[in-house]
Amino acid sequence: MSWFLLVVSGLLEAVWATALDRSAGFTRLVPTLVFAVATTASLAGLAYALKDLPVGTAYAVWVGIGAGTTVAWAMATGAEPFSVVRLLLILGLLGCVVGLKLTH
């Protein structure tokens, strides 16, 4: 259960990061509210996962999932340029996250 919540929390990190960008410095209401809810849920899930998982591993997985998903979403929506090199680097990052899980 802790690993599942950690993955969901990592995905919510991508949600709040994207919402933060779209909030235009907290001047747009809906993205600001999405940011607040997603941040709270993401950190709550991380906190719950830390009851059973080592902090270094859990934090690295959380950040890796969030960062990888955020970049992948930005490339998919055209907010950032796509390249094969960028894709391979994201896949490498996610591979490292999987490696941390497997060595737990």
PDB file of N, CA and C in Angstrom:
ATOM      1  N   MET A   1       0.814  -1.194   0.000  1.00  0.00           N
ATOM      2  CA  MET A   1       0.000   0.000   0.000  1.00  0.00           C
ATOM      3  C   MET A   1       0.865   1.269   0.000  1.00  0.00           C
ATOM      4  N   SER A   2       1.964   1.228   0.739  1.00  0.00           N
ATOM      5  CA  SER A   2       2.836   2.410   0.805  1.00  0.00           C
ATOM      6  C   SER A   2       3.431   2.742  -0.562  1.00  0.00           C
ATOM      7  N   TRP A   3       3.846   1.720  -1.305  1.00  0.00           N
ATOM      8  CA  TRP A   3       4.404   1.966  -2.632  1.00  0.00           C
ATOM      9  C   TRP A   3       3.357   2.525  -3.569  1.00  0.00           C
ATOM     10  N   PHE A   4       2.153   1.996  -3.500  1.00  0.00           N
ATOM     11  CA  PHE A   4       1.070   2.502  -4.346  1.00  0.00           C
ATOM     12  C   PHE A   4       0.804   3.976  -4.047  1.00  0.00           C
ATOM     13  N   LEU A   5       0.700   4.319  -2.766  1.00  0.00           N
ATOM     14  CA  LEU A   5       0.462   5.721  -2.395  1.00  0.00           C
ATOM     15  C   LEU A   5       1.626   6.614  -2.800  1.00  0.00           C
ATOM     16  N   LEU A   6       2.829   6.088  -2.728  1.00  0.00           N
ATOM     17  CA  LEU A   6       3.986   6.874  -3.139  1.00  0.00           C
ATOM     18  C   LEU A   6       3.925   7.189  -4.632  1.00  0.00           C
ATOM     19  N   VAL A   7       3.547   6.214  -5.445  1.00  0.00           N
ATOM     20  CA  VAL A   7       3.431   6.437  -6.888  1.00  0.00           C
ATOM     21  C   VAL A   7       2.337   7.460  -7.181  1.00  0.00           C
ATOM     22  N   VAL A   8       1.176   7.304  -6.545  1.00  0.00           N
ATOM     23  CA  VAL A   8       0.080   8.265  -6.741  1.00  0.00           C
ATOM     24  C   VAL A   8       0.520   9.659  -6.302  1.00  0.00           C
ATOM     25  N   SER A   9       1.225   9.734  -5.195  1.00  0.00           N
ATOM     26  CA  SER A   9       1.713  11.031  -4.705  1.00  0.00           C
ATOM     27  C   SER A   9       2.706  11.650  -5.668  1.00  0.00           C
ATOM     28  N   GLY A  10       3.539  10.824  -6.285  1.00  0.00           N
ATOM     29  CA  GLY A  10       4.470  11.323  -7.297  1.00  0.00           C
ATOM     30  C   GLY A  10       3.743  11.865  -8.512  1.00  0.00           C
ATOM     31  N   LEU A  11       2.677  11.179  -8.924  1.00  0.00           N
ATOM     32  CA  LEU A  11       1.867  11.677 -10.047  1.00  0.00           C
ATOM     33  C   LEU A  11       1.184  12.991  -9.682  1.00  0.00           C
ATOM     34  N   LEU A  12       0.732  13.099  -8.427  1.00  0.00           N
ATOM     35  CA  LEU A  12       0.112  14.352  -7.982  1.00  0.00           C
ATOM     36  C   LEU A  12       1.130  15.489  -7.932  1.00  0.00           C
ATOM     37  N   GLU A  13       2.400  15.148  -7.756  1.00  0.00           N
ATOM     38  CA  GLU A  13       3.440  16.183  -7.811  1.00  0.00           C
ATOM     39  C   GLU A  13       3.468  16.825  -9.199  1.00  0.00           C
ATOM     40  N   ALA A  14       3.303  16.003 -10.232  1.00  0.00           N
ATOM     41  CA  ALA A  14       3.251  16.538 -11.594  1.00  0.00           C
ATOM     42  C   ALA A  14       2.016  17.416 -11.785  1.00  0.00           C
ATOM     43  N   VAL A  15       0.910  17.036 -11.154  1.00  0.00           N
ATOM     44  CA  VAL A  15      -0.318  17.842 -11.243  1.00  0.00           C
ATOM     45  C   VAL A  15      -0.088  19.203 -10.611  1.00  0.00           C
ATOM     46  N   TRP A  16       0.472  19.217  -9.398  1.00  0.00           N
ATOM     47  CA  TRP A  16       0.635  20.527  -8.750  1.00  0.00           C
ATOM     48  C   TRP A  16       1.690  21.378  -9.432  1.00  0.00           C
ATOM     49  N   ALA A  17       2.727  20.757  -9.978  1.00  0.00           N
ATOM     50  CA  ALA A  17       3.742  21.545 -10.680  1.00  0.00           C
ATOM     51  C   ALA A  17       3.153  22.200 -11.930  1.00  0.00           C
ATOM     52  N   THR A  18       2.343  21.442 -12.660  1.00  0.00           N
ATOM     53  CA  THR A  18       1.699  21.993 -13.853  1.00  0.00           C
ATOM     54  C   THR A  18       0.694  23.075 -13.476  1.00  0.00           C
ATOM     55  N   ALA A  19      -0.081  22.824 -12.426  1.00  0.00           N
ATOM     56  CA  ALA A  19      -1.058  23.824 -11.967  1.00  0.00           C
ATOM     57  C   ALA A  19      -0.355  25.092 -11.484  1.00  0.00           C
ATOM     58  N   LEU A  20       0.783  24.930 -10.831  1.00  0.00           N
ATOM     59  CA  LEU A  20       1.542  26.100 -10.372  1.00  0.00           C
ATOM     60  C   LEU A  20       1.955  26.963 -11.557  1.00  0.00           C
ATOM     61  N   ASP A  21       2.415  26.333 -12.619  1.00  0.00           N
ATOM     62  CA  ASP A  21       2.788  27.080 -13.825  1.00  0.00           C
ATOM     63  C   ASP A  21       1.575  27.804 -14.410  1.00  0.00           C
ATOM     64  N   ARG A  22       0.465  27.117 -14.469  1.00  0.00           N
ATOM     65  CA  ARG A  22      -0.744  27.690 -15.076  1.00  0.00           C
ATOM     66  C   ARG A  22      -1.454  28.702 -14.186  1.00  0.00           C
ATOM     67  N   SER A  23      -1.075  28.770 -12.911  1.00  0.00           N
ATOM     68  CA  SER A  23      -1.723  29.718 -12.009  1.00  0.00           C
ATOM     69  C   SER A  23      -1.266  31.155 -12.253  1.00  0.00           C
ATOM     70  N   ALA A  24      -0.206  31.329 -13.049  1.00  0.00           N
ATOM     71  CA  ALA A  24       0.324  32.666 -13.357  1.00  0.00           C
ATOM     72  C   ALA A  24       0.597  33.460 -12.077  1.00  0.00           C
ATOM     73  N   GLY A  25       1.390  32.845 -11.197  1.00  0.00           N
ATOM     74  CA  GLY A  25       1.744  33.530  -9.948  1.00  0.00           C
ATOM     75  C   GLY A  25       0.568  33.642  -8.989  1.00  0.00           C
ATOM     76  N   PHE A  26      -0.282  32.630  -8.970  1.00  0.00           N
ATOM     77  CA  PHE A  26      -1.476  32.574  -8.116  1.00  0.00           C
ATOM     78  C   PHE A  26      -2.494  33.656  -8.453  1.00  0.00           C
ATOM     79  N   THR A  27      -2.521  34.092  -9.706  1.00  0.00           N
ATOM     80  CA  THR A  27      -3.504  35.104 -10.113  1.00  0.00           C
ATOM     81  C   THR A  27      -4.724  34.489 -10.796  1.00  0.00           C
ATOM     82  N   ARG A  28      -4.669  33.194 -11.105  1.00  0.00           N
ATOM     83  CA  ARG A  28      -5.803  32.501 -11.724  1.00  0.00           C
ATOM     84  C   ARG A  28      -6.367  31.517 -10.704  1.00  0.00           C
ATOM     85  N   LEU A  29      -7.661  31.616 -10.430  1.00  0.00           N
ATOM     86  CA  LEU A  29      -8.275  30.884  -9.326  1.00  0.00           C
ATOM     87  C   LEU A  29      -8.240  29.366  -9.492  1.00  0.00           C
ATOM     88  N   VAL A  30      -8.727  28.846 -10.595  1.00  0.00           N
ATOM     89  CA  VAL A  30      -8.844  27.388 -10.733  1.00  0.00           C
ATOM     90  C   VAL A  30      -7.483  26.689 -10.667  1.00  0.00           C
ATOM     91  N   PRO A  31      -6.481  27.120 -11.429  1.00  0.00           N
ATOM     92  CA  PRO A  31      -5.177  26.458 -11.282  1.00  0.00           C
ATOM     93  C   PRO A  31      -4.588  26.602  -9.877  1.00  0.00           C
ATOM     94  N   THR A  32      -4.855  27.719  -9.225  1.00  0.00           N
ATOM     95  CA  THR A  32      -4.372  27.901  -7.855  1.00  0.00           C
ATOM     96  C   THR A  32      -5.026  26.910  -6.911  1.00  0.00           C
ATOM     97  N   LEU A  33      -6.325  26.683  -7.061  1.00  0.00           N
ATOM     98  CA  LEU A  33      -7.025  25.705  -6.230  1.00  0.00           C
ATOM     99  C   LEU A  33      -6.546  24.286  -6.521  1.00  0.00           C
ATOM    100  N   VAL A  34      -6.334  23.966  -7.795  1.00  0.00           N
ATOM    101  CA  VAL A  34      -5.805  22.646  -8.164  1.00  0.00           C
ATOM    102  C   VAL A  34      -4.425  22.458  -7.532  1.00  0.00           C
ATOM    103  N   PHE A  35      -3.605  23.488  -7.595  1.00  0.00           N
ATOM    104  CA  PHE A  35      -2.281  23.439  -6.972  1.00  0.00           C
ATOM    105  C   PHE A  35      -2.400  23.135  -5.477  1.00  0.00           C
ATOM    106  N   ALA A  36      -3.263  23.855  -4.772  1.00  0.00           N
ATOM    107  CA  ALA A  36      -3.388  23.687  -3.322  1.00  0.00           C
ATOM    108  C   ALA A  36      -3.862  22.276  -2.958  1.00  0.00           C
ATOM    109  N   VAL A  37      -4.852  21.783  -3.661  1.00  0.00           N
ATOM    110  CA  VAL A  37      -5.386  20.449  -3.364  1.00  0.00           C
ATOM    111  C   VAL A  37      -4.365  19.366  -3.712  1.00  0.00           C
ATOM    112  N   ALA A  38      -3.755  19.467  -4.893  1.00  0.00           N
ATOM    113  CA  ALA A  38      -2.794  18.449  -5.326  1.00  0.00           C
ATOM    114  C   ALA A  38      -1.552  18.439  -4.442  1.00  0.00           C
ATOM    115  N   THR A  39      -1.095  19.612  -4.028  1.00  0.00           N
ATOM    116  CA  THR A  39       0.070  19.686  -3.144  1.00  0.00           C
ATOM    117  C   THR A  39      -0.232  19.018  -1.804  1.00  0.00           C
ATOM    118  N   THR A  40      -1.379  19.336  -1.241  1.00  0.00           N
ATOM    119  CA  THR A  40      -1.761  18.752   0.040  1.00  0.00           C
ATOM    120  C   THR A  40      -1.874  17.234  -0.063  1.00  0.00           C
ATOM    121  N   ALA A  41      -2.542  16.748  -1.100  1.00  0.00           N
ATOM    122  CA  ALA A  41      -2.713  15.310  -1.271  1.00  0.00           C
ATOM    123  C   ALA A  41      -1.370  14.624  -1.549  1.00  0.00           C
ATOM    124  N   SER A  42      -0.520  15.255  -2.353  1.00  0.00           N
ATOM    125  CA  SER A  42       0.777  14.681  -2.681  1.00  0.00           C
ATOM    126  C   SER A  42       1.651  14.546  -1.436  1.00  0.00           C
ATOM    127  N   LEU A  43       1.718  15.583  -0.650  1.00  0.00           N
ATOM    128  CA  LEU A  43       2.541  15.538   0.560  1.00  0.00           C
ATOM    129  C   LEU A  43       1.952  14.605   1.614  1.00  0.00           C
ATOM    130  N   ALA A  44       0.629  14.523   1.692  1.00  0.00           N
ATOM    131  CA  ALA A  44      -0.007  13.605   2.638  1.00  0.00           C
ATOM    132  C   ALA A  44       0.307  12.160   2.257  1.00  0.00           C
ATOM    133  N   GLY A  45       0.254  11.860   0.976  1.00  0.00           N
ATOM    134  CA  GLY A  45       0.592  10.516   0.522  1.00  0.00           C
ATOM    135  C   GLY A  45       2.048  10.182   0.792  1.00  0.00           C
ATOM    136  N   LEU A  46       2.934  11.132   0.551  1.00  0.00           N
ATOM    137  CA  LEU A  46       4.355  10.929   0.843  1.00  0.00           C
ATOM    138  C   LEU A  46       4.551  10.680   2.333  1.00  0.00           C
ATOM    139  N   ALA A  47       3.891  11.479   3.157  1.00  0.00           N
ATOM    140  CA  ALA A  47       4.021  11.323   4.608  1.00  0.00           C
ATOM    141  C   ALA A  47       3.548   9.938   5.056  1.00  0.00           C
ATOM    142  N   TYR A  48       2.439   9.480   4.491  1.00  0.00           N
ATOM    143  CA  TYR A  48       1.930   8.156   4.833  1.00  0.00           C
ATOM    144  C   TYR A  48       2.916   7.075   4.401  1.00  0.00           C
ATOM    145  N   ALA A  49       3.456   7.200   3.200  1.00  0.00           N
ATOM    146  CA  ALA A  49       4.410   6.205   2.687  1.00  0.00           C
ATOM    147  C   ALA A  49       5.664   6.150   3.548  1.00  0.00           C
ATOM    148  N   LEU A  50       6.056   7.272   4.125  1.00  0.00           N
ATOM    149  CA  LEU A  50       7.262   7.315   4.949  1.00  0.00           C
ATOM    150  C   LEU A  50       7.119   6.539   6.254  1.00  0.00           C
ATOM    151  N   LYS A  51       5.902   6.142   6.597  1.00  0.00           N
ATOM    152  CA  LYS A  51       5.723   5.303   7.778  1.00  0.00           C
ATOM    153  C   LYS A  51       6.400   3.942   7.582  1.00  0.00           C
ATOM    154  N   ASP A  52       6.420   3.456   6.326  1.00  0.00           N
ATOM    155  CA  ASP A  52       6.938   2.127   6.038  1.00  0.00           C
ATOM    156  C   ASP A  52       8.203   2.107   5.189  1.00  0.00           C
ATOM    157  N   LEU A  53       8.499   3.193   4.501  1.00  0.00           N
ATOM    158  CA  LEU A  53       9.610   3.210   3.554  1.00  0.00           C
ATOM    159  C   LEU A  53      10.734   4.113   4.051  1.00  0.00           C
ATOM    160  N   PRO A  54      11.972   3.808   3.690  1.00  0.00           N
ATOM    161  CA  PRO A  54      13.086   4.681   4.079  1.00  0.00           C
ATOM    162  C   PRO A  54      12.976   6.043   3.375  1.00  0.00           C
ATOM    163  N   VAL A  55      13.277   7.083   4.096  1.00  0.00           N
ATOM    164  CA  VAL A  55      13.062   8.440   3.591  1.00  0.00           C
ATOM    165  C   VAL A  55      13.851   8.723   2.316  1.00  0.00           C
ATOM    166  N   GLY A  56      15.092   8.304   2.242  1.00  0.00           N
ATOM    167  CA  GLY A  56      15.895   8.589   1.055  1.00  0.00           C
ATOM    168  C   GLY A  56      15.326   7.948  -0.189  1.00  0.00           C
ATOM    169  N   THR A  57      14.958   6.686  -0.088  1.00  0.00           N
ATOM    170  CA  THR A  57      14.381   5.967  -1.226  1.00  0.00           C
ATOM    171  C   THR A  57      13.026   6.552  -1.600  1.00  0.00           C
ATOM    172  N   ALA A  58      12.162   6.745  -0.603  1.00  0.00           N
ATOM    173  CA  ALA A  58      10.815   7.252  -0.871  1.00  0.00           C
ATOM    174  C   ALA A  58      10.865   8.635  -1.508  1.00  0.00           C
ATOM    175  N   TYR A  59      11.715   9.507  -0.993  1.00  0.00           N
ATOM    176  CA  TYR A  59      11.792  10.858  -1.548  1.00  0.00           C
ATOM    177  C   TYR A  59      12.329  10.838  -2.974  1.00  0.00           C
ATOM    178  N   ALA A  60      13.343  10.017  -3.223  1.00  0.00           N
ATOM    179  CA  ALA A  60      13.902   9.923  -4.577  1.00  0.00           C
ATOM    180  C   ALA A  60      12.866   9.391  -5.565  1.00  0.00           C
ATOM    181  N   VAL A  61      12.102   8.406  -5.163  1.00  0.00           N
ATOM    182  CA  VAL A  61      11.054   7.859  -6.030  1.00  0.00           C
ATOM    183  C   VAL A  61       9.980   8.905  -6.276  1.00  0.00           C
ATOM    184  N   TRP A  62       9.549   9.598  -5.232  1.00  0.00           N
ATOM    185  CA  TRP A  62       8.511  10.628  -5.329  1.00  0.00           C
ATOM    186  C   TRP A  62       8.936  11.732  -6.295  1.00  0.00           C
ATOM    187  N   VAL A  63      10.148  12.226  -6.113  1.00  0.00           N
ATOM    188  CA  VAL A  63      10.660  13.291  -6.978  1.00  0.00           C
ATOM    189  C   VAL A  63      10.852  12.786  -8.404  1.00  0.00           C
ATOM    190  N   GLY A  64      11.384  11.581  -8.547  1.00  0.00           N
ATOM    191  CA  GLY A  64      11.617  11.030  -9.884  1.00  0.00           C
ATOM    192  C   GLY A  64      10.337  10.864 -10.674  1.00  0.00           C
ATOM    193  N   ILE A  65       9.313  10.318 -10.026  1.00  0.00           N
ATOM    194  CA  ILE A  65       8.021  10.157 -10.702  1.00  0.00           C
ATOM    195  C   ILE A  65       7.439  11.520 -11.046  1.00  0.00           C
ATOM    196  N   GLY A  66       7.475  12.434 -10.095  1.00  0.00           N
ATOM    197  CA  GLY A  66       6.933  13.776 -10.336  1.00  0.00           C
ATOM    198  C   GLY A  66       7.663  14.517 -11.437  1.00  0.00           C
ATOM    199  N   ALA A  67       8.977  14.495 -11.400  1.00  0.00           N
ATOM    200  CA  ALA A  67       9.761  15.205 -12.415  1.00  0.00           C
ATOM    201  C   ALA A  67       9.594  14.572 -13.789  1.00  0.00           C
ATOM    202  N   GLY A  68       9.676  13.253 -13.849  1.00  0.00           N
ATOM    203  CA  GLY A  68       9.518  12.563 -15.128  1.00  0.00           C
ATOM    204  C   GLY A  68       8.149  12.788 -15.745  1.00  0.00           C
ATOM    205  N   THR A  69       7.126  12.695 -14.929  1.00  0.00           N
ATOM    206  CA  THR A  69       5.760  12.900 -15.424  1.00  0.00           C
ATOM    207  C   THR A  69       5.536  14.341 -15.846  1.00  0.00           C
ATOM    208  N   THR A  70       6.082  15.282 -15.088  1.00  0.00           N
ATOM    209  CA  THR A  70       5.925  16.696 -15.434  1.00  0.00           C
ATOM    210  C   THR A  70       6.567  16.999 -16.791  1.00  0.00           C
ATOM    211  N   VAL A  71       7.770  16.515 -17.004  1.00  0.00           N
ATOM    212  CA  VAL A  71       8.457  16.761 -18.276  1.00  0.00           C
ATOM    213  C   VAL A  71       7.737  16.044 -19.418  1.00  0.00           C
ATOM    214  N   ALA A  72       7.319  14.805 -19.185  1.00  0.00           N
ATOM    215  CA  ALA A  72       6.609  14.056 -20.228  1.00  0.00           C
ATOM    216  C   ALA A  72       5.313  14.762 -20.616  1.00  0.00           C
ATOM    217  N   TRP A  73       4.578  15.257 -19.628  1.00  0.00           N
ATOM    218  CA  TRP A  73       3.326  15.980 -19.908  1.00  0.00           C
ATOM    219  C   TRP A  73       3.613  17.263 -20.676  1.00  0.00           C
ATOM    220  N   ALA A  74       4.637  17.980 -20.267  1.00  0.00           N
ATOM    221  CA  ALA A  74       4.978  19.234 -20.943  1.00  0.00           C
ATOM    222  C   ALA A  74       5.371  18.983 -22.402  1.00  0.00           C
ATOM    223  N   MET A  75       6.093  17.902 -22.645  1.00  0.00           N
ATOM    224  CA  MET A  75       6.456  17.584 -24.028  1.00  0.00           C
ATOM    225  C   MET A  75       5.226  17.134 -24.816  1.00  0.00           C
ATOM    226  N   ALA A  76       4.347  16.360 -24.197  1.00  0.00           N
ATOM    227  CA  ALA A  76       3.151  15.865 -24.889  1.00  0.00           C
ATOM    228  C   ALA A  76       2.196  16.993 -25.260  1.00  0.00           C
ATOM    229  N   THR A  77       2.161  18.036 -24.437  1.00  0.00           N
ATOM    230  CA  THR A  77       1.243  19.158 -24.702  1.00  0.00           C
ATOM    231  C   THR A  77       1.891  20.273 -25.507  1.00  0.00           C
ATOM    232  N   GLY A  78       3.176  20.131 -25.815  1.00  0.00           N
ATOM    233  CA  GLY A  78       3.859  21.145 -26.605  1.00  0.00           C
ATOM    234  C   GLY A  78       4.428  22.295 -25.796  1.00  0.00           C
ATOM    235  N   ALA A  79       4.330  22.217 -24.459  1.00  0.00           N
ATOM    236  CA  ALA A  79       4.879  23.280 -23.619  1.00  0.00           C
ATOM    237  C   ALA A  79       6.402  23.250 -23.597  1.00  0.00           C
ATOM    238  N   GLU A  80       6.982  22.087 -23.868  1.00  0.00           N
ATOM    239  CA  GLU A  80       8.427  21.935 -23.967  1.00  0.00           C
ATOM    240  C   GLU A  80       8.729  21.146 -25.238  1.00  0.00           C
ATOM    241  N   PRO A  81       9.883  21.384 -25.823  1.00  0.00           N
ATOM    242  CA  PRO A  81      10.212  20.659 -27.061  1.00  0.00           C
ATOM    243  C   PRO A  81      10.466  19.179 -26.797  1.00  0.00           C
ATOM    244  N   PHE A  82      10.109  18.356 -27.766  1.00  0.00           N
ATOM    245  CA  PHE A  82      10.366  16.920 -27.702  1.00  0.00           C
ATOM    246  C   PHE A  82      11.649  16.598 -28.452  1.00  0.00           C
ATOM    247  N   SER A  83      12.423  15.690 -27.908  1.00  0.00           N
ATOM    248  CA  SER A  83      13.560  15.130 -28.633  1.00  0.00           C
ATOM    249  C   SER A  83      13.783  13.713 -28.122  1.00  0.00           C
ATOM    250  N   VAL A  84      14.400  12.913 -28.941  1.00  0.00           N
ATOM    251  CA  VAL A  84      14.692  11.531 -28.554  1.00  0.00           C
ATOM    252  C   VAL A  84      15.634  11.509 -27.355  1.00  0.00           C
ATOM    253  N   VAL A  85      16.591  12.414 -27.323  1.00  0.00           N
ATOM    254  CA  VAL A  85      17.531  12.474 -26.204  1.00  0.00           C
ATOM    255  C   VAL A  85      16.790  12.776 -24.905  1.00  0.00           C
ATOM    256  N   ARG A  86      15.884  13.738 -24.935  1.00  0.00           N
ATOM    257  CA  ARG A  86      15.104  14.064 -23.728  1.00  0.00           C
ATOM    258  C   ARG A  86      14.272  12.866 -23.282  1.00  0.00           C
ATOM    259  N   LEU A  87      13.662  12.175 -24.234  1.00  0.00           N
ATOM    260  CA  LEU A  87      12.869  10.987 -23.919  1.00  0.00           C
ATOM    261  C   LEU A  87      13.734   9.910 -23.272  1.00  0.00           C
ATOM    262  N   LEU A  88      14.916   9.678 -23.830  1.00  0.00           N
ATOM    263  CA  LEU A  88      15.815   8.672 -23.262  1.00  0.00           C
ATOM    264  C   LEU A  88      16.267   9.050 -21.853  1.00  0.00           C
ATOM    265  N   LEU A  89      16.502  10.320 -21.618  1.00  0.00           N
ATOM    266  CA  LEU A  89      16.898  10.758 -20.278  1.00  0.00           C
ATOM    267  C   LEU A  89      15.762  10.574 -19.271  1.00  0.00           C
ATOM    268  N   ILE A  90      14.532  10.861 -19.675  1.00  0.00           N
ATOM    269  CA  ILE A  90      13.383  10.643 -18.788  1.00  0.00           C
ATOM    270  C   ILE A  90      13.225   9.153 -18.495  1.00  0.00           C
ATOM    271  N   LEU A  91      13.363   8.320 -19.533  1.00  0.00           N
ATOM    272  CA  LEU A  91      13.272   6.872 -19.327  1.00  0.00           C
ATOM    273  C   LEU A  91      14.387   6.382 -18.402  1.00  0.00           C
ATOM    274  N   GLY A  92      15.566   6.972 -18.515  1.00  0.00           N
ATOM    275  CA  GLY A  92      16.654   6.636 -17.599  1.00  0.00           C
ATOM    276  C   GLY A  92      16.319   6.997 -16.164  1.00  0.00           C
ATOM    277  N   LEU A  93      15.720   8.166 -15.983  1.00  0.00           N
ATOM    278  CA  LEU A  93      15.293   8.599 -14.653  1.00  0.00           C
ATOM    279  C   LEU A  93      14.272   7.623 -14.077  1.00  0.00           C
ATOM    280  N   LEU A  94      13.288   7.261 -14.884  1.00  0.00           N
ATOM    281  CA  LEU A  94      12.265   6.325 -14.415  1.00  0.00           C
ATOM    282  C   LEU A  94      12.859   4.944 -14.167  1.00  0.00           C
ATOM    283  N   GLY A  95      13.852   4.547 -14.963  1.00  0.00           N
ATOM    284  CA  GLY A  95      14.546   3.291 -14.722  1.00  0.00           C
ATOM    285  C   GLY A  95      15.247   3.282 -13.372  1.00  0.00           C
ATOM    286  N   CYS A  96      15.825   4.399 -13.008  1.00  0.00           N
ATOM    287  CA  CYS A  96      16.465   4.514 -11.696  1.00  0.00           C
ATOM    288  C   CYS A  96      15.436   4.408 -10.572  1.00  0.00           C
ATOM    289  N   VAL A  97      14.261   4.995 -10.772  1.00  0.00           N
ATOM    290  CA  VAL A  97      13.188   4.898  -9.782  1.00  0.00           C
ATOM    291  C   VAL A  97      12.786   3.435  -9.593  1.00  0.00           C
ATOM    292  N   VAL A  98      12.606   2.719 -10.692  1.00  0.00           N
ATOM    293  CA  VAL A  98      12.257   1.297 -10.619  1.00  0.00           C
ATOM    294  C   VAL A  98      13.381   0.526  -9.906  1.00  0.00           C
ATOM    295  N   GLY A  99      14.616   0.865 -10.211  1.00  0.00           N
ATOM    296  CA  GLY A  99      15.753   0.226  -9.543  1.00  0.00           C
ATOM    297  C   GLY A  99      15.733   0.428  -8.033  1.00  0.00           C
ATOM    298  N   LEU A 100      15.381   1.610  -7.583  1.00  0.00           N
ATOM    299  CA  LEU A 100      15.283   1.862  -6.149  1.00  0.00           C
ATOM    300  C   LEU A 100      14.205   0.996  -5.514  1.00  0.00           C
ATOM    301  N   LYS A 101      13.100   0.833  -6.220  1.00  0.00           N
ATOM    302  CA  LYS A 101      12.014  -0.019  -5.717  1.00  0.00           C
ATOM    303  C   LYS A 101      12.488  -1.471  -5.613  1.00  0.00           C
ATOM    304  N   LEU A 102      13.195  -1.940  -6.642  1.00  0.00           N
ATOM    305  CA  LEU A 102      13.619  -3.338  -6.676  1.00  0.00           C
ATOM    306  C   LEU A 102      14.686  -3.655  -5.623  1.00  0.00           C
ATOM    307  N   THR A 103      15.446  -2.669  -5.216  1.00  0.00           N
ATOM    308  CA  THR A 103      16.489  -2.918  -4.231  1.00  0.00           C
ATOM    309  C   THR A 103      16.016  -2.710  -2.796  1.00  0.00           C
ATOM    310  N   HIS A 104      14.778  -2.343  -2.612  1.00  0.00           N
ATOM    311  CA  HIS A 104      14.228  -2.132  -1.268  1.00  0.00           C
ATOM    312  C   HIS A 104      14.164  -3.443  -0.520  1.00  0.00           C
TER     313      HIS A 104
END
